[in-house]
Amino acid sequence: MAVVLTLEKVASYLRVHPSTIYRLVKKRQLPAFKLGSDWRFNREAIDQWSAHAEDRNVDRLLHSDNQHRSLDRAQ
């Protein structure tokens, strides 16, 4: 059975402020659905989103590090 979280619970789960969750939902960057007027979040979807976000951050850091090394070699 799917575990469904409220906005406050997902903010606590991800250790961010609830306004961060609202911002990500507004930008459609965080998987969510409306139940009446309230946002709800499937915990499995949040876990997958979080894992992909970590992968993107690692890729971004590696790409940034490679750019710095290329610039260092060019100088």
PDB file of N, CA and C in Angstrom:
ATOM      1  N   MET A   1       0.840  -1.194   0.000  1.00  0.00           N
ATOM      2  CA  MET A   1       0.000   0.000   0.000  1.00  0.00           C
ATOM      3  C   MET A   1       0.881   1.251   0.000  1.00  0.00           C
ATOM      4  N   ALA A   2       0.521   2.215  -0.794  1.00  0.00           N
ATOM      5  CA  ALA A   2       1.303   3.442  -0.923  1.00  0.00           C
ATOM      6  C   ALA A   2       1.197   4.286   0.341  1.00  0.00           C
ATOM      7  N   VAL A   3       2.338   4.847   0.737  1.00  0.00           N
ATOM      8  CA  VAL A   3       2.375   5.769   1.873  1.00  0.00           C
ATOM      9  C   VAL A   3       2.236   7.175   1.311  1.00  0.00           C
ATOM     10  N   VAL A   4       1.233   7.893   1.784  1.00  0.00           N
ATOM     11  CA  VAL A   4       0.956   9.246   1.308  1.00  0.00           C
ATOM     12  C   VAL A   4       1.270  10.229   2.429  1.00  0.00           C
ATOM     13  N   LEU A   5       2.024  11.265   2.079  1.00  0.00           N
ATOM     14  CA  LEU A   5       2.468  12.266   3.054  1.00  0.00           C
ATOM     15  C   LEU A   5       1.781  13.607   2.806  1.00  0.00           C
ATOM     16  N   THR A   6       1.571  14.355   3.867  1.00  0.00           N
ATOM     17  CA  THR A   6       1.101  15.735   3.744  1.00  0.00           C
ATOM     18  C   THR A   6       2.294  16.621   3.396  1.00  0.00           C
ATOM     19  N   LEU A   7       2.017  17.856   3.061  1.00  0.00           N
ATOM     20  CA  LEU A   7       3.086  18.797   2.748  1.00  0.00           C
ATOM     21  C   LEU A   7       4.029  18.972   3.941  1.00  0.00           C
ATOM     22  N   GLU A   8       3.472  19.099   5.120  1.00  0.00           N
ATOM     23  CA  GLU A   8       4.305  19.280   6.311  1.00  0.00           C
ATOM     24  C   GLU A   8       5.176  18.055   6.563  1.00  0.00           C
ATOM     25  N   LYS A   9       4.600  16.862   6.362  1.00  0.00           N
ATOM     26  CA  LYS A   9       5.362  15.626   6.587  1.00  0.00           C
ATOM     27  C   LYS A   9       6.479  15.462   5.559  1.00  0.00           C
ATOM     28  N   VAL A  10       6.197  15.801   4.293  1.00  0.00           N
ATOM     29  CA  VAL A  10       7.241  15.668   3.280  1.00  0.00           C
ATOM     30  C   VAL A  10       8.343  16.705   3.515  1.00  0.00           C
ATOM     31  N   ALA A  11       7.983  17.886   3.980  1.00  0.00           N
ATOM     32  CA  ALA A  11       8.999  18.896   4.313  1.00  0.00           C
ATOM     33  C   ALA A  11       9.903  18.377   5.442  1.00  0.00           C
ATOM     34  N   SER A  12       9.302  17.784   6.445  1.00  0.00           N
ATOM     35  CA  SER A  12      10.076  17.214   7.546  1.00  0.00           C
ATOM     36  C   SER A  12      10.915  16.040   7.052  1.00  0.00           C
ATOM     37  N   TYR A  13      10.340  15.189   6.219  1.00  0.00           N
ATOM     38  CA  TYR A  13      11.031  14.025   5.679  1.00  0.00           C
ATOM     39  C   TYR A  13      12.264  14.431   4.874  1.00  0.00           C
ATOM     40  N   LEU A  14      12.139  15.508   4.090  1.00  0.00           N
ATOM     41  CA  LEU A  14      13.250  15.986   3.276  1.00  0.00           C
ATOM     42  C   LEU A  14      14.127  17.008   4.008  1.00  0.00           C
ATOM     43  N   ARG A  15      13.710  17.379   5.210  1.00  0.00           N
ATOM     44  CA  ARG A  15      14.439  18.346   6.046  1.00  0.00           C
ATOM     45  C   ARG A  15      14.586  19.700   5.361  1.00  0.00           C
ATOM     46  N   VAL A  16      13.468  20.180   4.841  1.00  0.00           N
ATOM     47  CA  VAL A  16      13.425  21.514   4.236  1.00  0.00           C
ATOM     48  C   VAL A  16      12.202  22.247   4.775  1.00  0.00           C
ATOM     49  N   HIS A  17      12.158  23.532   4.541  1.00  0.00           N
ATOM     50  CA  HIS A  17      11.030  24.350   4.973  1.00  0.00           C
ATOM     51  C   HIS A  17       9.824  24.068   4.073  1.00  0.00           C
ATOM     52  N   PRO A  18       8.615  24.101   4.615  1.00  0.00           N
ATOM     53  CA  PRO A  18       7.426  23.883   3.780  1.00  0.00           C
ATOM     54  C   PRO A  18       7.338  24.813   2.565  1.00  0.00           C
ATOM     55  N   SER A  19       7.844  26.032   2.674  1.00  0.00           N
ATOM     56  CA  SER A  19       7.805  26.935   1.523  1.00  0.00           C
ATOM     57  C   SER A  19       8.670  26.409   0.374  1.00  0.00           C
ATOM     58  N   THR A  20       9.720  25.662   0.691  1.00  0.00           N
ATOM     59  CA  THR A  20      10.547  25.036  -0.346  1.00  0.00           C
ATOM     60  C   THR A  20       9.737  23.994  -1.091  1.00  0.00           C
ATOM     61  N   ILE A  21       8.933  23.234  -0.356  1.00  0.00           N
ATOM     62  CA  ILE A  21       8.075  22.224  -0.986  1.00  0.00           C
ATOM     63  C   ILE A  21       7.062  22.909  -1.901  1.00  0.00           C
ATOM     64  N   TYR A  22       6.413  23.970  -1.426  1.00  0.00           N
ATOM     65  CA  TYR A  22       5.466  24.716  -2.261  1.00  0.00           C
ATOM     66  C   TYR A  22       6.141  25.201  -3.544  1.00  0.00           C
ATOM     67  N   ARG A  23       7.341  25.742  -3.419  1.00  0.00           N
ATOM     68  CA  ARG A  23       8.052  26.264  -4.586  1.00  0.00           C
ATOM     69  C   ARG A  23       8.344  25.157  -5.591  1.00  0.00           C
ATOM     70  N   LEU A  24       8.808  24.006  -5.114  1.00  0.00           N
ATOM     71  CA  LEU A  24       9.109  22.893  -6.010  1.00  0.00           C
ATOM     72  C   LEU A  24       7.853  22.350  -6.679  1.00  0.00           C
ATOM     73  N   VAL A  25       6.755  22.303  -5.944  1.00  0.00           N
ATOM     74  CA  VAL A  25       5.487  21.839  -6.516  1.00  0.00           C
ATOM     75  C   VAL A  25       5.008  22.829  -7.577  1.00  0.00           C
ATOM     76  N   LYS A  26       5.101  24.109  -7.275  1.00  0.00           N
ATOM     77  CA  LYS A  26       4.672  25.139  -8.221  1.00  0.00           C
ATOM     78  C   LYS A  26       5.455  25.055  -9.527  1.00  0.00           C
ATOM     79  N   LYS A  27       6.756  24.738  -9.430  1.00  0.00           N
ATOM     80  CA  LYS A  27       7.592  24.606 -10.614  1.00  0.00           C
ATOM     81  C   LYS A  27       7.471  23.227 -11.264  1.00  0.00           C
ATOM     82  N   ARG A  28       6.629  22.374 -10.675  1.00  0.00           N
ATOM     83  CA  ARG A  28       6.428  20.992 -11.151  1.00  0.00           C
ATOM     84  C   ARG A  28       7.729  20.190 -11.117  1.00  0.00           C
ATOM     85  N   GLN A  29       8.545  20.460 -10.127  1.00  0.00           N
ATOM     86  CA  GLN A  29       9.808  19.751  -9.965  1.00  0.00           C
ATOM     87  C   GLN A  29       9.716  18.641  -8.928  1.00  0.00           C
ATOM     88  N   LEU A  30       8.623  18.584  -8.200  1.00  0.00           N
ATOM     89  CA  LEU A  30       8.428  17.586  -7.158  1.00  0.00           C
ATOM     90  C   LEU A  30       7.114  16.861  -7.429  1.00  0.00           C
ATOM     91  N   PRO A  31       7.115  15.514  -7.436  1.00  0.00           N
ATOM     92  CA  PRO A  31       5.875  14.785  -7.716  1.00  0.00           C
ATOM     93  C   PRO A  31       4.866  14.965  -6.585  1.00  0.00           C
ATOM     94  N   ALA A  32       3.676  15.408  -6.943  1.00  0.00           N
ATOM     95  CA  ALA A  32       2.634  15.664  -5.952  1.00  0.00           C
ATOM     96  C   ALA A  32       1.271  15.569  -6.626  1.00  0.00           C
ATOM     97  N   PHE A  33       0.247  15.470  -5.797  1.00  0.00           N
ATOM     98  CA  PHE A  33      -1.122  15.502  -6.309  1.00  0.00           C
ATOM     99  C   PHE A  33      -1.995  16.212  -5.293  1.00  0.00           C
ATOM    100  N   LYS A  34      -3.111  16.726  -5.789  1.00  0.00           N
ATOM    101  CA  LYS A  34      -4.035  17.450  -4.928  1.00  0.00           C
ATOM    102  C   LYS A  34      -5.114  16.503  -4.431  1.00  0.00           C
ATOM    103  N   LEU A  35      -5.437  16.616  -3.157  1.00  0.00           N
ATOM    104  CA  LEU A  35      -6.565  15.930  -2.558  1.00  0.00           C
ATOM    105  C   LEU A  35      -7.434  17.031  -1.987  1.00  0.00           C
ATOM    106  N   GLY A  36      -8.477  17.377  -2.733  1.00  0.00           N
ATOM    107  CA  GLY A  36      -9.261  18.563  -2.390  1.00  0.00           C
ATOM    108  C   GLY A  36      -8.396  19.782  -2.636  1.00  0.00           C
ATOM    109  N   SER A  37      -8.175  20.576  -1.604  1.00  0.00           N
ATOM    110  CA  SER A  37      -7.322  21.762  -1.754  1.00  0.00           C
ATOM    111  C   SER A  37      -5.922  21.550  -1.185  1.00  0.00           C
ATOM    112  N   ASP A  38      -5.650  20.343  -0.712  1.00  0.00           N
ATOM    113  CA  ASP A  38      -4.368  20.073  -0.064  1.00  0.00           C
ATOM    114  C   ASP A  38      -3.455  19.234  -0.950  1.00  0.00           C
ATOM    115  N   TRP A  39      -2.158  19.513  -0.878  1.00  0.00           N
ATOM    116  CA  TRP A  39      -1.171  18.729  -1.609  1.00  0.00           C
ATOM    117  C   TRP A  39      -0.852  17.457  -0.845  1.00  0.00           C
ATOM    118  N   ARG A  40      -0.673  16.362  -1.604  1.00  0.00           N
ATOM    119  CA  ARG A  40      -0.265  15.085  -1.036  1.00  0.00           C
ATOM    120  C   ARG A  40       0.897  14.540  -1.860  1.00  0.00           C
ATOM    121  N   PHE A  41       1.708  13.701  -1.235  1.00  0.00           N
ATOM    122  CA  PHE A  41       2.931  13.207  -1.851  1.00  0.00           C
ATOM    123  C   PHE A  41       3.058  11.715  -1.586  1.00  0.00           C
ATOM    124  N   ASN A  42       3.345  10.955  -2.630  1.00  0.00           N
ATOM    125  CA  ASN A  42       3.595   9.536  -2.501  1.00  0.00           C
ATOM    126  C   ASN A  42       5.047   9.369  -2.056  1.00  0.00           C
ATOM    127  N   ARG A  43       5.265   8.693  -0.915  1.00  0.00           N
ATOM    128  CA  ARG A  43       6.630   8.609  -0.378  1.00  0.00           C
ATOM    129  C   ARG A  43       7.581   7.898  -1.339  1.00  0.00           C
ATOM    130  N   GLU A  44       7.118   6.871  -2.026  1.00  0.00           N
ATOM    131  CA  GLU A  44       7.984   6.179  -2.974  1.00  0.00           C
ATOM    132  C   GLU A  44       8.416   7.116  -4.103  1.00  0.00           C
ATOM    133  N   ALA A  45       7.490   7.929  -4.605  1.00  0.00           N
ATOM    134  CA  ALA A  45       7.822   8.893  -5.659  1.00  0.00           C
ATOM    135  C   ALA A  45       8.802   9.943  -5.143  1.00  0.00           C
ATOM    136  N   ILE A  46       8.644  10.348  -3.883  1.00  0.00           N
ATOM    137  CA  ILE A  46       9.561  11.317  -3.278  1.00  0.00           C
ATOM    138  C   ILE A  46      10.949  10.706  -3.140  1.00  0.00           C
ATOM    139  N   ASP A  47      11.014   9.437  -2.726  1.00  0.00           N
ATOM    140  CA  ASP A  47      12.309   8.758  -2.602  1.00  0.00           C
ATOM    141  C   ASP A  47      13.012   8.667  -3.960  1.00  0.00           C
ATOM    142  N   GLN A  48      12.264   8.340  -5.009  1.00  0.00           N
ATOM    143  CA  GLN A  48      12.840   8.268  -6.356  1.00  0.00           C
ATOM    144  C   GLN A  48      13.306   9.649  -6.810  1.00  0.00           C
ATOM    145  N   TRP A  49      12.489  10.666  -6.566  1.00  0.00           N
ATOM    146  CA  TRP A  49      12.846  12.034  -6.933  1.00  0.00           C
ATOM    147  C   TRP A  49      14.130  12.446  -6.213  1.00  0.00           C
ATOM    148  N   SER A  50      14.215  12.119  -4.927  1.00  0.00           N
ATOM    149  CA  SER A  50      15.382  12.487  -4.131  1.00  0.00           C
ATOM    150  C   SER A  50      16.641  11.793  -4.652  1.00  0.00           C
ATOM    151  N   ALA A  51      16.523  10.518  -4.984  1.00  0.00           N
ATOM    152  CA  ALA A  51      17.679   9.779  -5.519  1.00  0.00           C
ATOM    153  C   ALA A  51      18.142  10.390  -6.833  1.00  0.00           C
ATOM    154  N   HIS A  52      17.204  10.738  -7.700  1.00  0.00           N
ATOM    155  CA  HIS A  52      17.577  11.365  -8.975  1.00  0.00           C
ATOM    156  C   HIS A  52      18.168  12.753  -8.756  1.00  0.00           C
ATOM    157  N   ALA A  53      17.650  13.483  -7.780  1.00  0.00           N
ATOM    158  CA  ALA A  53      18.192  14.814  -7.478  1.00  0.00           C
ATOM    159  C   ALA A  53      19.636  14.692  -7.008  1.00  0.00           C
ATOM    160  N   GLU A  54      19.921  13.685  -6.190  1.00  0.00           N
ATOM    161  CA  GLU A  54      21.294  13.464  -5.733  1.00  0.00           C
ATOM    162  C   GLU A  54      22.198  13.127  -6.913  1.00  0.00           C
ATOM    163  N   ASP A  55      21.704  12.279  -7.835  1.00  0.00           N
ATOM    164  CA  ASP A  55      22.489  11.932  -9.030  1.00  0.00           C
ATOM    165  C   ASP A  55      22.782  13.176  -9.861  1.00  0.00           C
ATOM    166  N   ARG A  56      21.776  14.042 -10.031  1.00  0.00           N
ATOM    167  CA  ARG A  56      21.973  15.270 -10.816  1.00  0.00           C
ATOM    168  C   ARG A  56      22.989  16.175 -10.146  1.00  0.00           C
ATOM    169  N   ASN A  57      22.950  16.265  -8.820  1.00  0.00           N
ATOM    170  CA  ASN A  57      23.915  17.103  -8.104  1.00  0.00           C
ATOM    171  C   ASN A  57      25.324  16.563  -8.249  1.00  0.00           C
ATOM    172  N   VAL A  58      25.490  15.252  -8.179  1.00  0.00           N
ATOM    173  CA  VAL A  58      26.809  14.646  -8.359  1.00  0.00           C
ATOM    174  C   VAL A  58      27.301  14.919  -9.771  1.00  0.00           C
ATOM    175  N   ASP A  59      26.425  14.720 -10.768  1.00  0.00           N
ATOM    176  CA  ASP A  59      26.810  14.990 -12.154  1.00  0.00           C
ATOM    177  C   ASP A  59      27.203  16.451 -12.331  1.00  0.00           C
ATOM    178  N   ARG A  60      26.464  17.354 -11.730  1.00  0.00           N
ATOM    179  CA  ARG A  60      26.753  18.779 -11.833  1.00  0.00           C
ATOM    180  C   ARG A  60      28.101  19.094 -11.200  1.00  0.00           C
ATOM    181  N   LEU A  61      28.362  18.496 -10.033  1.00  0.00           N
ATOM    182  CA  LEU A  61      29.641  18.729  -9.368  1.00  0.00           C
ATOM    183  C   LEU A  61      30.797  18.177 -10.195  1.00  0.00           C
ATOM    184  N   LEU A  62      30.630  16.978 -10.759  1.00  0.00           N
ATOM    185  CA  LEU A  62      31.688  16.395 -11.581  1.00  0.00           C
ATOM    186  C   LEU A  62      31.928  17.231 -12.823  1.00  0.00           C
ATOM    187  N   HIS A  63      30.862  17.701 -13.444  1.00  0.00           N
ATOM    188  CA  HIS A  63      30.990  18.532 -14.644  1.00  0.00           C
ATOM    189  C   HIS A  63      31.702  19.837 -14.301  1.00  0.00           C
ATOM    190  N   SER A  64      31.328  20.441 -13.179  1.00  0.00           N
ATOM    191  CA  SER A  64      31.953  21.685 -12.747  1.00  0.00           C
ATOM    192  C   SER A  64      33.432  21.460 -12.445  1.00  0.00           C
ATOM    193  N   ASP A  65      33.749  20.355 -11.779  1.00  0.00           N
ATOM    194  CA  ASP A  65      35.140  20.041 -11.448  1.00  0.00           C
ATOM    195  C   ASP A  65      35.961  19.831 -12.716  1.00  0.00           C
ATOM    196  N   ASN A  66      35.399  19.165 -13.711  1.00  0.00           N
ATOM    197  CA  ASN A  66      36.103  18.948 -14.974  1.00  0.00           C
ATOM    198  C   ASN A  66      36.339  20.260 -15.706  1.00  0.00           C
ATOM    199  N   GLN A  67      35.401  21.188 -15.651  1.00  0.00           N
ATOM    200  CA  GLN A  67      35.583  22.500 -16.291  1.00  0.00           C
ATOM    201  C   GLN A  67      36.724  23.251 -15.630  1.00  0.00           C
ATOM    202  N   HIS A  68      36.783  23.202 -14.286  1.00  0.00           N
ATOM    203  CA  HIS A  68      37.857  23.897 -13.572  1.00  0.00           C
ATOM    204  C   HIS A  68      39.220  23.300 -13.928  1.00  0.00           C
ATOM    205  N   ARG A  69      39.295  21.998 -14.039  1.00  0.00           N
ATOM    206  CA  ARG A  69      40.558  21.356 -14.399  1.00  0.00           C
ATOM    207  C   ARG A  69      40.987  21.743 -15.801  1.00  0.00           C
ATOM    208  N   SER A  70      40.004  21.820 -16.729  1.00  0.00           N
ATOM    209  CA  SER A  70      40.324  22.228 -18.096  1.00  0.00           C
ATOM    210  C   SER A  70      40.849  23.645 -18.136  1.00  0.00           C
ATOM    211  N   LEU A  71      40.239  24.527 -17.341  1.00  0.00           N
ATOM    212  CA  LEU A  71      40.684  25.921 -17.291  1.00  0.00           C
ATOM    213  C   LEU A  71      42.071  26.017 -16.669  1.00  0.00           C
ATOM    214  N   ASP A  72      42.325  25.214 -15.631  1.00  0.00           N
ATOM    215  CA  ASP A  72      43.646  25.227 -14.990  1.00  0.00           C
ATOM    216  C   ASP A  72      44.727  24.790 -15.976  1.00  0.00           C
ATOM    217  N   ARG A  73      44.440  23.794 -16.777  1.00  0.00           N
ATOM    218  CA  ARG A  73      45.426  23.297 -17.755  1.00  0.00           C
ATOM    219  C   ARG A  73      45.669  24.321 -18.857  1.00  0.00           C
ATOM    220  N   ALA A  74      44.644  25.087 -19.205  1.00  0.00           N
ATOM    221  CA  ALA A  74      44.763  26.061 -20.299  1.00  0.00           C
ATOM    222  C   ALA A  74      45.611  27.249 -19.871  1.00  0.00           C
ATOM    223  N   GLN A  75      45.725  27.491 -18.581  1.00  0.00           N
ATOM    224  CA  GLN A  75      46.465  28.667 -18.116  1.00  0.00           C
ATOM    225  C   GLN A  75      47.880  28.391 -17.979  1.00  0.00           C
TER     226      GLN A  75
END
